[in-house]
Amino acid sequence: MFSRIRAHKVSFAHAIDGFVHNVKTQPNFRFHLLATICAVLLGIYLSISYFEWLTLVFTVNMVLVAEMVNTSIESMVDLITLERREDARIAKDVSAAMVLISAVMAIIVGSLIFIPKIISAL
């Protein structure tokens, strides 16, 4: 039983290390974290509904996970080859596009949630 607990503790520590690595080395990830903090504070200030919180949390999760998957793919491609290869470029470009699309969709979701509340507050 204790070996299972230790294994989970080690896995959790590695996950924290991965998160810290992203925060320290990825400027876009830090930007997304800042945007997350702003969205959460705005949500608290505007008293968004339970459903809006669920939508916001899901959307934030999507963007942060996409950014971490992008970092993983880029690191794996660099591990495999540092040569300029078309397949390596495609892998990196597609993973960057994943982040871009999730970020644009997050802006749309945030706009749909916050703009009507901001307008009605004015």
Protein backbone atom coordinates (compact mmCIF):
# COMPACT_ATOMS: atom_id res chain seq x y z
CA MET A 1 0.00 0.00 0.00
CA PHE A 2 2.76 2.45 0.92
CA SER A 3 4.59 1.73 -2.34
CA ARG A 4 1.46 2.77 -4.26
CA ILE A 5 1.20 5.98 -2.27
CA ARG A 6 4.89 6.66 -2.89
CA ALA A 7 4.45 6.02 -6.62
CA HIS A 8 1.58 8.51 -6.76
CA LYS A 9 3.58 11.02 -4.74
CA VAL A 10 6.50 10.70 -7.18
CA SER A 11 4.18 11.05 -10.19
CA PHE A 12 2.59 14.13 -8.63
CA ALA A 13 6.05 15.63 -8.03
CA HIS A 14 6.98 15.07 -11.68
CA ALA A 15 3.73 16.74 -12.78
CA ILE A 16 4.52 19.75 -10.59
CA ASP A 17 8.03 19.85 -12.10
CA GLY A 18 6.49 19.91 -15.59
CA PHE A 19 4.18 22.76 -14.64
CA VAL A 20 7.05 24.74 -13.09
CA HIS A 21 9.16 24.10 -16.21
CA ASN A 22 6.40 25.57 -18.38
CA VAL A 23 6.06 28.62 -16.12
CA LYS A 24 9.83 29.22 -16.10
CA THR A 25 10.58 28.61 -19.78
CA GLN A 26 7.44 29.39 -21.79
CA PRO A 27 6.48 33.08 -22.10
CA ASN A 28 3.19 32.21 -23.82
CA PHE A 29 2.25 29.93 -20.92
CA ARG A 30 2.90 32.77 -18.47
CA PHE A 31 0.73 35.04 -20.63
CA HIS A 32 -2.08 32.46 -20.57
CA LEU A 33 -1.76 32.20 -16.77
CA LEU A 34 -2.03 35.98 -16.50
CA ALA A 35 -5.09 35.93 -18.76
CA THR A 36 -6.55 33.18 -16.55
CA ILE A 37 -6.06 35.29 -13.43
CA CYS A 38 -7.68 38.29 -15.13
CA ALA A 39 -10.64 36.17 -16.30
CA VAL A 40 -11.14 34.70 -12.82
CA LEU A 41 -10.98 38.12 -11.16
CA LEU A 42 -13.39 39.55 -13.74
CA GLY A 43 -15.71 36.59 -13.21
CA ILE A 44 -15.72 37.21 -9.46
CA TYR A 45 -16.26 40.94 -9.94
CA LEU A 46 -19.13 40.45 -12.41
CA SER A 47 -20.67 37.56 -10.43
CA ILE A 48 -20.91 35.21 -13.40
CA SER A 49 -23.31 32.25 -13.13
CA TYR A 50 -22.45 28.65 -12.28
CA PHE A 51 -22.77 27.62 -15.94
CA GLU A 52 -20.55 30.53 -16.99
CA TRP A 53 -17.93 29.41 -14.43
CA LEU A 54 -18.06 25.87 -15.81
CA THR A 55 -17.60 27.20 -19.31
CA LEU A 56 -14.76 29.48 -18.24
CA VAL A 57 -12.93 26.73 -16.31
CA PHE A 58 -13.25 24.30 -19.23
CA THR A 59 -11.99 26.94 -21.66
CA VAL A 60 -9.02 27.93 -19.48
CA ASN A 61 -8.17 24.25 -19.05
CA MET A 62 -8.26 23.75 -22.83
CA VAL A 63 -5.82 26.61 -23.47
CA LEU A 64 -3.36 25.66 -20.71
CA VAL A 65 -3.36 21.99 -21.70
CA ALA A 66 -2.89 22.91 -25.38
CA GLU A 67 0.10 25.06 -24.42
CA MET A 68 1.64 22.21 -22.42
CA VAL A 69 1.03 19.69 -25.22
CA ASN A 70 2.65 22.16 -27.63
CA THR A 71 5.72 22.40 -25.38
CA SER A 72 5.88 18.60 -25.17
CA ILE A 73 5.66 18.17 -28.94
CA GLU A 74 8.30 20.82 -29.58
CA SER A 75 10.63 19.22 -27.03
CA MET A 76 10.12 15.75 -28.52
CA VAL A 77 10.77 17.02 -32.04
CA ASP A 78 13.97 18.73 -30.85
CA LEU A 79 15.00 15.51 -29.09
CA ILE A 80 14.53 13.53 -32.30
CA THR A 81 16.24 15.99 -34.63
CA LEU A 82 17.61 19.50 -34.69
CA GLU A 83 17.89 19.40 -38.48
CA ARG A 84 15.56 21.53 -40.56
CA ARG A 85 13.17 18.86 -41.75
CA GLU A 86 9.75 19.31 -43.27
CA ASP A 87 8.08 16.73 -41.00
CA ALA A 88 9.59 18.36 -37.90
CA ARG A 89 8.36 21.77 -39.05
CA ILE A 90 4.87 20.42 -39.67
CA ALA A 91 4.71 18.83 -36.20
CA LYS A 92 5.75 22.10 -34.54
CA ASP A 93 3.50 24.26 -36.71
CA VAL A 94 0.43 22.08 -36.15
CA SER A 95 0.96 22.04 -32.39
CA ALA A 96 1.38 25.84 -32.41
CA ALA A 97 -1.84 26.11 -34.44
CA MET A 98 -3.59 24.00 -31.78
CA VAL A 99 -2.67 26.60 -29.16
CA LEU A 100 -3.67 29.47 -31.42
CA ILE A 101 -7.09 27.99 -32.15
CA SER A 102 -7.75 27.23 -28.48
CA ALA A 103 -6.68 30.76 -27.50
CA VAL A 104 -8.90 32.38 -30.16
CA MET A 105 -11.83 30.24 -29.06
CA ALA A 106 -11.13 31.23 -25.44
CA ILE A 107 -11.30 34.89 -26.46
CA ILE A 108 -14.65 34.23 -28.12
CA VAL A 109 -15.98 32.40 -25.05
CA GLY A 110 -14.70 35.14 -22.74
CA SER A 111 -16.29 37.79 -24.93
CA LEU A 112 -19.64 35.99 -24.92
CA ILE A 113 -19.54 35.72 -21.13
CA PHE A 114 -18.10 39.11 -20.17
CA ILE A 115 -19.12 41.69 -22.80
CA PRO A 116 -22.88 41.53 -22.09
CA LYS A 117 -22.21 41.82 -18.33
CA ILE A 118 -19.83 44.73 -18.83
CA ILE A 119 -22.32 46.51 -21.10
CA SER A 120 -25.16 46.03 -18.61
CA ALA A 121 -22.95 47.28 -15.78
CA LEU A 122 -22.33 50.55 -17.64
